[in-house]
Amino acid sequence: MSVTQNTKKSINWGFSSIIIFVIVVMIWIGVRIIFPDLPTIFAGTQPNNLGVNNGELHPCPSTPNCVNSQSEDAEHAIKPLTYQGDAKEAIAKLKDIINQQEITQIVSETDDYLYAQFTSHWMGFVDDVEFYANENQGVIDVRSASRLGESDLGVNRERIETIRQAF
């Protein structure tokens, strides 16, 4: 076999790989457009440590893909939301804001707590977001964490700041 034949086979295999990759990506995008709420392999599993325990939301893991207003370290810390009135009204207002966001689901709520799941549009990554209205301090503590991966490219922090502005 000559060098020219080996090169042609190599080019043909490379071109075929690119075509297969493009087809797979197009199918993935089509499915995400037609079925945006369909869970993907990137959804992960809902954590079992969510909620409020003695006035505290669960701390962030060591990975940088989480923010928590009760956190002491700069990497994870974010300011809580502030509100006037009672906790029930504040949670109801948050619920309205969250329901206006794309691909979100309110999972549970009480008069002073709200838990929602935010799903990324294309890949279907799920972030768990919690709000706890602390009436004694007049703030709503927040925790927003990605289920999978190491970095979230600042998505959780940006989400909370967007909600803060709308709130």
N, C-alpha and C. Protein backbone atom coordinates (compact mmCIF):
# COMPACT_ATOMS: atom_id res chain seq x y z
N MET A 1 0.85 -1.17 0.00
CA MET A 1 0.00 0.00 0.00
C MET A 1 0.90 1.23 0.00
N SER A 2 0.54 2.18 -0.81
CA SER A 2 1.38 3.38 -0.92
C SER A 2 1.00 4.41 0.13
N VAL A 3 1.87 5.37 0.29
CA VAL A 3 1.64 6.46 1.24
C VAL A 3 0.39 7.23 0.84
N THR A 4 0.17 7.40 -0.46
CA THR A 4 -1.00 8.13 -0.95
C THR A 4 -2.28 7.42 -0.55
N GLN A 5 -2.31 6.08 -0.66
CA GLN A 5 -3.50 5.33 -0.28
C GLN A 5 -3.75 5.43 1.22
N ASN A 6 -2.71 5.36 2.04
CA ASN A 6 -2.87 5.50 3.49
C ASN A 6 -3.41 6.89 3.83
N THR A 7 -2.92 7.90 3.18
CA THR A 7 -3.36 9.27 3.43
C THR A 7 -4.83 9.42 3.06
N LYS A 8 -5.25 8.86 1.90
CA LYS A 8 -6.64 8.94 1.48
C LYS A 8 -7.56 8.24 2.48
N LYS A 9 -7.16 7.06 2.96
CA LYS A 9 -7.96 6.35 3.96
C LYS A 9 -8.06 7.17 5.24
N SER A 10 -6.97 7.79 5.64
CA SER A 10 -6.95 8.61 6.85
C SER A 10 -7.88 9.80 6.69
N ILE A 11 -7.84 10.45 5.54
CA ILE A 11 -8.69 11.61 5.29
C ILE A 11 -10.15 11.18 5.24
N ASN A 12 -10.45 10.08 4.58
CA ASN A 12 -11.83 9.57 4.51
C ASN A 12 -12.36 9.23 5.90
N TRP A 13 -11.56 8.60 6.73
CA TRP A 13 -11.99 8.25 8.09
C TRP A 13 -12.22 9.51 8.91
N GLY A 14 -11.34 10.49 8.77
CA GLY A 14 -11.50 11.75 9.50
C GLY A 14 -12.76 12.49 9.06
N PHE A 15 -13.02 12.52 7.76
CA PHE A 15 -14.22 13.18 7.23
C PHE A 15 -15.47 12.47 7.71
N SER A 16 -15.45 11.15 7.70
CA SER A 16 -16.60 10.36 8.18
C SER A 16 -16.87 10.64 9.66
N SER A 17 -15.83 10.76 10.44
CA SER A 17 -15.97 11.05 11.87
C SER A 17 -16.62 12.41 12.08
N ILE A 18 -16.22 13.38 11.29
CA ILE A 18 -16.80 14.72 11.40
C ILE A 18 -18.28 14.69 11.04
N ILE A 19 -18.62 13.99 9.98
CA ILE A 19 -20.03 13.89 9.55
C ILE A 19 -20.86 13.22 10.64
N ILE A 20 -20.37 12.15 11.22
CA ILE A 20 -21.09 11.45 12.29
C ILE A 20 -21.27 12.38 13.49
N PHE A 21 -20.22 13.11 13.86
CA PHE A 21 -20.30 14.04 14.98
C PHE A 21 -21.35 15.12 14.72
N VAL A 22 -21.36 15.69 13.53
CA VAL A 22 -22.32 16.74 13.17
C VAL A 22 -23.75 16.18 13.24
N ILE A 23 -23.96 14.98 12.76
CA ILE A 23 -25.29 14.36 12.81
C ILE A 23 -25.75 14.16 14.25
N VAL A 24 -24.86 13.68 15.11
CA VAL A 24 -25.19 13.47 16.52
C VAL A 24 -25.55 14.79 17.18
N VAL A 25 -24.77 15.83 16.92
CA VAL A 25 -25.05 17.15 17.50
C VAL A 25 -26.39 17.68 17.01
N MET A 26 -26.68 17.51 15.74
CA MET A 26 -27.96 17.99 15.19
C MET A 26 -29.14 17.23 15.82
N ILE A 27 -28.98 15.95 16.02
CA ILE A 27 -30.04 15.17 16.67
C ILE A 27 -30.23 15.66 18.11
N TRP A 28 -29.11 15.86 18.82
CA TRP A 28 -29.18 16.35 20.22
C TRP A 28 -29.93 17.69 20.29
N ILE A 29 -29.56 18.62 19.40
CA ILE A 29 -30.20 19.94 19.39
C ILE A 29 -31.68 19.80 19.06
N GLY A 30 -32.01 18.96 18.10
CA GLY A 30 -33.41 18.74 17.73
C GLY A 30 -34.23 18.22 18.89
N VAL A 31 -33.70 17.25 19.61
CA VAL A 31 -34.39 16.70 20.77
C VAL A 31 -34.57 17.77 21.84
N ARG A 32 -33.53 18.58 22.09
CA ARG A 32 -33.62 19.63 23.11
C ARG A 32 -34.64 20.70 22.72
N ILE A 33 -34.76 20.99 21.42
CA ILE A 33 -35.74 21.98 20.97
C ILE A 33 -37.16 21.43 21.09
N ILE A 34 -37.35 20.20 20.67
CA ILE A 34 -38.69 19.59 20.68
C ILE A 34 -39.12 19.21 22.09
N PHE A 35 -38.20 18.68 22.89
CA PHE A 35 -38.50 18.22 24.25
C PHE A 35 -37.58 18.89 25.27
N PRO A 36 -37.75 20.21 25.51
CA PRO A 36 -36.81 20.90 26.41
C PRO A 36 -36.88 20.42 27.86
N ASP A 37 -38.00 19.84 28.27
CA ASP A 37 -38.13 19.38 29.66
C ASP A 37 -37.68 17.93 29.86
N LEU A 38 -37.30 17.27 28.79
CA LEU A 38 -36.85 15.88 28.88
C LEU A 38 -35.51 15.82 29.61
N PRO A 39 -35.41 15.04 30.69
CA PRO A 39 -34.12 14.95 31.40
C PRO A 39 -33.03 14.37 30.50
N THR A 40 -31.82 14.82 30.72
CA THR A 40 -30.68 14.31 29.97
C THR A 40 -29.75 13.57 30.92
N ILE A 41 -28.71 12.99 30.37
CA ILE A 41 -27.72 12.30 31.20
C ILE A 41 -26.98 13.29 32.09
N PHE A 42 -27.13 14.58 31.81
CA PHE A 42 -26.45 15.62 32.59
C PHE A 42 -27.31 16.16 33.73
N ALA A 43 -28.51 15.62 33.92
CA ALA A 43 -29.42 16.12 34.96
C ALA A 43 -28.93 15.76 36.36
N GLY A 44 -28.23 14.65 36.49
CA GLY A 44 -27.78 14.23 37.82
C GLY A 44 -28.94 13.77 38.68
N THR A 45 -28.66 13.57 39.95
CA THR A 45 -29.65 13.09 40.90
C THR A 45 -29.93 14.18 41.93
N GLN A 46 -31.20 14.34 42.28
CA GLN A 46 -31.55 15.35 43.28
C GLN A 46 -30.87 15.02 44.60
N PRO A 47 -30.19 16.01 45.20
CA PRO A 47 -29.52 15.76 46.47
C PRO A 47 -30.53 15.45 47.58
N ASN A 48 -30.09 14.70 48.56
CA ASN A 48 -30.96 14.37 49.69
C ASN A 48 -30.66 15.22 50.92
N ASN A 49 -29.82 16.23 50.76
CA ASN A 49 -29.43 17.06 51.91
C ASN A 49 -29.95 18.49 51.80
N LEU A 50 -31.00 18.70 51.02
CA LEU A 50 -31.55 20.04 50.86
C LEU A 50 -32.52 20.36 51.98
N GLY A 51 -32.82 21.64 52.12
CA GLY A 51 -33.75 22.09 53.14
C GLY A 51 -33.04 22.89 54.21
N VAL A 52 -33.80 23.28 55.21
CA VAL A 52 -33.29 24.11 56.29
C VAL A 52 -33.15 23.26 57.54
N ASN A 53 -31.99 23.33 58.16
CA ASN A 53 -31.73 22.59 59.39
C ASN A 53 -31.21 23.58 60.43
N ASN A 54 -32.00 23.83 61.45
CA ASN A 54 -31.63 24.81 62.49
C ASN A 54 -31.32 26.18 61.90
N GLY A 55 -32.14 26.62 60.95
CA GLY A 55 -31.95 27.92 60.33
C GLY A 55 -30.83 28.00 59.32
N GLU A 56 -30.26 26.87 58.95
CA GLU A 56 -29.12 26.84 58.03
C GLU A 56 -29.44 26.04 56.77
N LEU A 57 -29.03 26.59 55.63
CA LEU A 57 -29.04 25.83 54.39
C LEU A 57 -27.77 24.99 54.36
N HIS A 58 -27.79 23.90 53.61
CA HIS A 58 -26.62 23.02 53.53
C HIS A 58 -25.43 23.81 52.98
N PRO A 59 -24.25 23.64 53.55
CA PRO A 59 -23.07 24.35 53.04
C PRO A 59 -22.71 23.91 51.62
N CYS A 60 -22.00 24.77 50.93
CA CYS A 60 -21.51 24.43 49.59
C CYS A 60 -20.42 23.38 49.69
N PRO A 61 -20.29 22.54 48.66
CA PRO A 61 -19.13 21.63 48.62
C PRO A 61 -17.87 22.43 48.32
N SER A 62 -16.74 21.77 48.25
CA SER A 62 -15.48 22.47 47.99
C SER A 62 -15.36 22.95 46.54
N THR A 63 -16.18 22.43 45.65
CA THR A 63 -16.12 22.83 44.24
C THR A 63 -16.67 24.25 44.07
N PRO A 64 -16.22 24.96 43.03
CA PRO A 64 -16.64 26.36 42.85
C PRO A 64 -17.99 26.54 42.16
N ASN A 65 -18.80 25.49 42.06
CA ASN A 65 -20.07 25.58 41.34
C ASN A 65 -21.27 25.77 42.27
N CYS A 66 -21.08 26.56 43.33
CA CYS A 66 -22.13 26.77 44.32
C CYS A 66 -21.95 28.13 44.98
N VAL A 67 -23.07 28.78 45.28
CA VAL A 67 -23.04 29.99 46.10
C VAL A 67 -24.03 29.81 47.25
N ASN A 68 -23.70 30.44 48.39
CA ASN A 68 -24.54 30.30 49.57
C ASN A 68 -24.38 31.58 50.41
N SER A 69 -25.50 32.21 50.71
CA SER A 69 -25.44 33.47 51.47
C SER A 69 -25.02 33.26 52.92
N GLN A 70 -25.02 32.03 53.39
CA GLN A 70 -24.58 31.74 54.75
C GLN A 70 -23.13 31.29 54.80
N SER A 71 -22.47 31.27 53.64
CA SER A 71 -21.08 30.83 53.56
C SER A 71 -20.13 31.91 54.07
N GLU A 72 -19.07 31.47 54.71
CA GLU A 72 -18.05 32.38 55.23
C GLU A 72 -16.91 32.61 54.23
N ASP A 73 -16.69 31.65 53.31
CA ASP A 73 -15.55 31.81 52.39
C ASP A 73 -15.95 32.61 51.15
N ALA A 74 -15.02 33.41 50.66
CA ALA A 74 -15.28 34.34 49.56
C ALA A 74 -15.70 33.65 48.27
N GLU A 75 -15.18 32.46 48.02
CA GLU A 75 -15.50 31.76 46.77
C GLU A 75 -16.99 31.42 46.67
N HIS A 76 -17.60 31.07 47.78
CA HIS A 76 -19.00 30.64 47.77
C HIS A 76 -19.97 31.70 48.30
N ALA A 77 -19.47 32.71 48.97
CA ALA A 77 -20.34 33.70 49.62
C ALA A 77 -21.07 34.58 48.61
N ILE A 78 -22.30 34.90 48.95
CA ILE A 78 -23.12 35.84 48.18
C ILE A 78 -24.06 36.50 49.18
N LYS A 79 -24.44 37.72 48.93
CA LYS A 79 -25.32 38.42 49.87
C LYS A 79 -26.72 37.83 49.82
N PRO A 80 -27.41 37.79 50.96
CA PRO A 80 -28.80 37.34 50.96
C PRO A 80 -29.68 38.40 50.31
N LEU A 81 -30.89 38.02 49.96
CA LEU A 81 -31.87 38.98 49.47
C LEU A 81 -32.49 39.67 50.68
N THR A 82 -32.89 40.91 50.52
CA THR A 82 -33.57 41.60 51.61
C THR A 82 -35.02 41.83 51.19
N TYR A 83 -35.89 41.92 52.19
CA TYR A 83 -37.31 42.12 51.89
C TYR A 83 -37.99 42.92 53.00
N GLN A 84 -39.12 43.49 52.64
CA GLN A 84 -39.99 44.19 53.59
C GLN A 84 -41.27 43.36 53.72
N GLY A 85 -41.89 43.39 54.87
CA GLY A 85 -43.14 42.65 55.05
C GLY A 85 -42.88 41.31 55.70
N ASP A 86 -43.75 40.35 55.38
CA ASP A 86 -43.59 39.04 56.00
C ASP A 86 -43.00 38.02 55.03
N ALA A 87 -42.53 36.94 55.58
CA ALA A 87 -41.84 35.90 54.81
C ALA A 87 -42.74 35.29 53.75
N LYS A 88 -43.97 35.05 54.09
CA LYS A 88 -44.91 34.40 53.15
C LYS A 88 -45.05 35.23 51.87
N GLU A 89 -45.18 36.55 52.02
CA GLU A 89 -45.28 37.42 50.85
C GLU A 89 -44.00 37.42 50.03
N ALA A 90 -42.87 37.42 50.72
CA ALA A 90 -41.57 37.42 50.02
C ALA A 90 -41.39 36.13 49.22
N ILE A 91 -41.75 34.99 49.81
CA ILE A 91 -41.63 33.71 49.11
C ILE A 91 -42.58 33.68 47.91
N ALA A 92 -43.79 34.23 48.06
CA ALA A 92 -44.74 34.28 46.95
C ALA A 92 -44.18 35.13 45.80
N LYS A 93 -43.54 36.24 46.14
CA LYS A 93 -42.93 37.10 45.11
C LYS A 93 -41.79 36.36 44.41
N LEU A 94 -40.96 35.65 45.17
CA LEU A 94 -39.88 34.86 44.57
C LEU A 94 -40.45 33.79 43.63
N LYS A 95 -41.51 33.15 44.06
CA LYS A 95 -42.13 32.11 43.24
C LYS A 95 -42.56 32.68 41.88
N ASP A 96 -43.15 33.87 41.89
CA ASP A 96 -43.56 34.52 40.63
C ASP A 96 -42.35 34.79 39.75
N ILE A 97 -41.28 35.29 40.33
CA ILE A 97 -40.06 35.59 39.57
C ILE A 97 -39.48 34.31 38.97
N ILE A 98 -39.42 33.25 39.76
CA ILE A 98 -38.84 31.98 39.30
C ILE A 98 -39.70 31.38 38.19
N ASN A 99 -41.01 31.47 38.32
CA ASN A 99 -41.90 30.91 37.30
C ASN A 99 -41.78 31.62 35.96
N GLN A 100 -41.21 32.81 35.95
CA GLN A 100 -40.99 33.54 34.70
C GLN A 100 -39.68 33.13 34.02
N GLN A 101 -38.84 32.38 34.71
CA GLN A 101 -37.57 31.94 34.15
C GLN A 101 -37.80 30.73 33.23
N GLU A 102 -36.88 30.53 32.29
CA GLU A 102 -36.97 29.39 31.38
C GLU A 102 -36.59 28.09 32.09
N ILE A 103 -37.28 27.04 31.77
CA ILE A 103 -37.00 25.67 32.20
C ILE A 103 -36.72 25.58 33.70
N THR A 104 -37.70 26.00 34.47
CA THR A 104 -37.60 25.91 35.93
C THR A 104 -38.77 25.10 36.46
N GLN A 105 -38.56 24.56 37.63
CA GLN A 105 -39.62 23.80 38.28
C GLN A 105 -39.54 24.07 39.79
N ILE A 106 -40.64 24.51 40.37
CA ILE A 106 -40.73 24.66 41.82
C ILE A 106 -41.00 23.26 42.36
N VAL A 107 -40.11 22.78 43.21
CA VAL A 107 -40.22 21.42 43.73
C VAL A 107 -40.96 21.41 45.06
N SER A 108 -40.62 22.36 45.95
CA SER A 108 -41.32 22.42 47.22
C SER A 108 -41.30 23.84 47.76
N GLU A 109 -42.29 24.15 48.58
CA GLU A 109 -42.35 25.46 49.20
C GLU A 109 -43.16 25.39 50.49
N THR A 110 -42.79 26.28 51.40
CA THR A 110 -43.54 26.49 52.63
C THR A 110 -43.68 28.01 52.76
N ASP A 111 -44.17 28.48 53.89
CA ASP A 111 -44.30 29.91 54.10
C ASP A 111 -42.96 30.63 54.14
N ASP A 112 -41.88 29.91 54.47
CA ASP A 112 -40.57 30.57 54.58
C ASP A 112 -39.45 29.88 53.78
N TYR A 113 -39.82 28.95 52.90
CA TYR A 113 -38.79 28.20 52.15
C TYR A 113 -39.30 27.90 50.75
N LEU A 114 -38.38 27.96 49.78
CA LEU A 114 -38.71 27.63 48.40
C LEU A 114 -37.53 26.88 47.79
N TYR A 115 -37.83 25.76 47.14
CA TYR A 115 -36.80 24.98 46.46
C TYR A 115 -37.21 24.83 45.00
N ALA A 116 -36.31 25.23 44.10
CA ALA A 116 -36.57 25.15 42.67
C ALA A 116 -35.39 24.49 41.96
N GLN A 117 -35.70 23.89 40.82
CA GLN A 117 -34.67 23.31 39.96
C GLN A 117 -34.63 24.10 38.66
N PHE A 118 -33.43 24.51 38.27
CA PHE A 118 -33.20 25.24 37.03
C PHE A 118 -32.43 24.32 36.10
N THR A 119 -32.91 24.18 34.87
CA THR A 119 -32.28 23.28 33.90
C THR A 119 -31.71 24.10 32.75
N SER A 120 -30.44 23.82 32.41
CA SER A 120 -29.83 24.54 31.29
C SER A 120 -30.49 24.10 29.98
N HIS A 121 -30.56 25.03 29.05
CA HIS A 121 -31.33 24.79 27.83
C HIS A 121 -30.77 23.68 26.95
N TRP A 122 -29.51 23.75 26.59
CA TRP A 122 -28.98 22.82 25.60
C TRP A 122 -28.52 21.49 26.17
N MET A 123 -27.82 21.51 27.27
CA MET A 123 -27.25 20.26 27.78
C MET A 123 -28.11 19.60 28.86
N GLY A 124 -29.02 20.34 29.46
CA GLY A 124 -29.91 19.77 30.46
C GLY A 124 -29.29 19.62 31.85
N PHE A 125 -28.24 20.40 32.16
CA PHE A 125 -27.68 20.39 33.51
C PHE A 125 -28.71 20.96 34.47
N VAL A 126 -28.82 20.37 35.66
CA VAL A 126 -29.79 20.84 36.66
C VAL A 126 -29.05 21.46 37.84
N ASP A 127 -29.52 22.63 38.25
CA ASP A 127 -29.02 23.31 39.44
C ASP A 127 -30.14 23.35 40.47
N ASP A 128 -29.78 23.11 41.73
CA ASP A 128 -30.74 23.14 42.83
C ASP A 128 -30.61 24.49 43.53
N VAL A 129 -31.74 25.20 43.64
CA VAL A 129 -31.73 26.55 44.19
C VAL A 129 -32.72 26.63 45.35
N GLU A 130 -32.23 27.12 46.49
CA GLU A 130 -33.06 27.20 47.69
C GLU A 130 -33.10 28.63 48.21
N PHE A 131 -34.24 28.98 48.78
CA PHE A 131 -34.44 30.29 49.40
C PHE A 131 -35.07 30.06 50.77
N TYR A 132 -34.49 30.68 51.79
CA TYR A 132 -35.02 30.56 53.15
C TYR A 132 -35.21 31.96 53.73
N ALA A 133 -36.47 32.31 53.99
CA ALA A 133 -36.77 33.62 54.55
C ALA A 133 -36.57 33.59 56.06
N ASN A 134 -35.56 34.30 56.51
CA ASN A 134 -35.23 34.39 57.93
C ASN A 134 -35.88 35.67 58.46
N GLU A 135 -37.08 35.53 59.04
CA GLU A 135 -37.83 36.71 59.50
C GLU A 135 -37.12 37.46 60.62
N ASN A 136 -36.36 36.77 61.44
CA ASN A 136 -35.64 37.44 62.53
C ASN A 136 -34.62 38.44 61.99
N GLN A 137 -34.02 38.13 60.85
CA GLN A 137 -32.99 39.01 60.27
C GLN A 137 -33.52 39.84 59.11
N GLY A 138 -34.73 39.55 58.62
CA GLY A 138 -35.30 40.28 57.50
C GLY A 138 -34.59 40.03 56.19
N VAL A 139 -34.03 38.83 56.03
CA VAL A 139 -33.33 38.47 54.79
C VAL A 139 -33.82 37.13 54.28
N ILE A 140 -33.55 36.89 53.02
CA ILE A 140 -33.79 35.58 52.43
C ILE A 140 -32.43 35.00 52.10
N ASP A 141 -32.06 33.97 52.84
CA ASP A 141 -30.80 33.28 52.54
C ASP A 141 -31.00 32.45 51.29
N VAL A 142 -29.94 32.34 50.49
CA VAL A 142 -30.01 31.62 49.21
C VAL A 142 -28.87 30.62 49.10
N ARG A 143 -29.15 29.58 48.38
CA ARG A 143 -28.13 28.59 48.02
C ARG A 143 -28.45 28.12 46.62
N SER A 144 -27.48 28.18 45.73
CA SER A 144 -27.65 27.74 44.36
C SER A 144 -26.44 26.89 43.99
N ALA A 145 -26.69 25.62 43.64
CA ALA A 145 -25.59 24.69 43.40
C ALA A 145 -25.85 23.80 42.19
N SER A 146 -24.80 23.58 41.42
CA SER A 146 -24.86 22.64 40.31
C SER A 146 -24.75 21.22 40.85
N ARG A 147 -25.46 20.30 40.24
CA ARG A 147 -25.40 18.90 40.67
C ARG A 147 -24.15 18.21 40.17
N LEU A 148 -23.72 18.56 38.97
CA LEU A 148 -22.60 17.87 38.35
C LEU A 148 -21.49 18.86 37.99
N GLY A 149 -20.31 18.33 37.83
CA GLY A 149 -19.20 19.11 37.33
C GLY A 149 -18.42 19.83 38.41
N GLU A 150 -17.39 20.47 37.97
CA GLU A 150 -16.48 21.20 38.86
C GLU A 150 -16.82 22.69 38.82
N SER A 151 -16.87 23.25 37.64
CA SER A 151 -17.13 24.67 37.48
C SER A 151 -18.49 24.89 36.83
N ASP A 152 -19.12 26.00 37.17
CA ASP A 152 -20.39 26.37 36.54
C ASP A 152 -20.24 27.63 35.70
N LEU A 153 -19.00 28.11 35.56
CA LEU A 153 -18.69 29.32 34.80
C LEU A 153 -19.46 30.53 35.34
N GLY A 154 -19.75 30.52 36.64
CA GLY A 154 -20.42 31.65 37.29
C GLY A 154 -21.92 31.68 37.14
N VAL A 155 -22.51 30.61 36.60
CA VAL A 155 -23.95 30.59 36.33
C VAL A 155 -24.78 30.74 37.61
N ASN A 156 -24.41 30.04 38.67
CA ASN A 156 -25.21 30.11 39.91
C ASN A 156 -25.17 31.50 40.53
N ARG A 157 -24.02 32.13 40.56
CA ARG A 157 -23.90 33.49 41.10
C ARG A 157 -24.72 34.46 40.24
N GLU A 158 -24.58 34.35 38.93
CA GLU A 158 -25.31 35.22 38.01
C GLU A 158 -26.82 35.04 38.17
N ARG A 159 -27.27 33.81 38.35
CA ARG A 159 -28.70 33.53 38.52
C ARG A 159 -29.24 34.27 39.75
N ILE A 160 -28.53 34.14 40.86
CA ILE A 160 -29.01 34.78 42.09
C ILE A 160 -29.01 36.30 41.94
N GLU A 161 -28.01 36.86 41.28
CA GLU A 161 -27.97 38.31 41.08
C GLU A 161 -29.10 38.77 40.15
N THR A 162 -29.45 37.98 39.16
CA THR A 162 -30.58 38.29 38.29
C THR A 162 -31.89 38.26 39.08
N ILE A 163 -32.05 37.25 39.91
CA ILE A 163 -33.25 37.16 40.76
C ILE A 163 -33.28 38.33 41.73
N ARG A 164 -32.14 38.70 42.29
CA ARG A 164 -32.07 39.83 43.22
C ARG A 164 -32.58 41.10 42.54
N GLN A 165 -32.15 41.35 41.30
CA GLN A 165 -32.58 42.54 40.58
C GLN A 165 -34.08 42.53 40.33
N ALA A 166 -34.62 41.38 39.98
CA ALA A 166 -36.07 41.28 39.73
C ALA A 166 -36.86 41.39 41.03
N PHE A 167 -36.26 40.98 42.13
CA PHE A 167 -36.92 40.97 43.44
C PHE A 167 -37.01 42.40 43.99
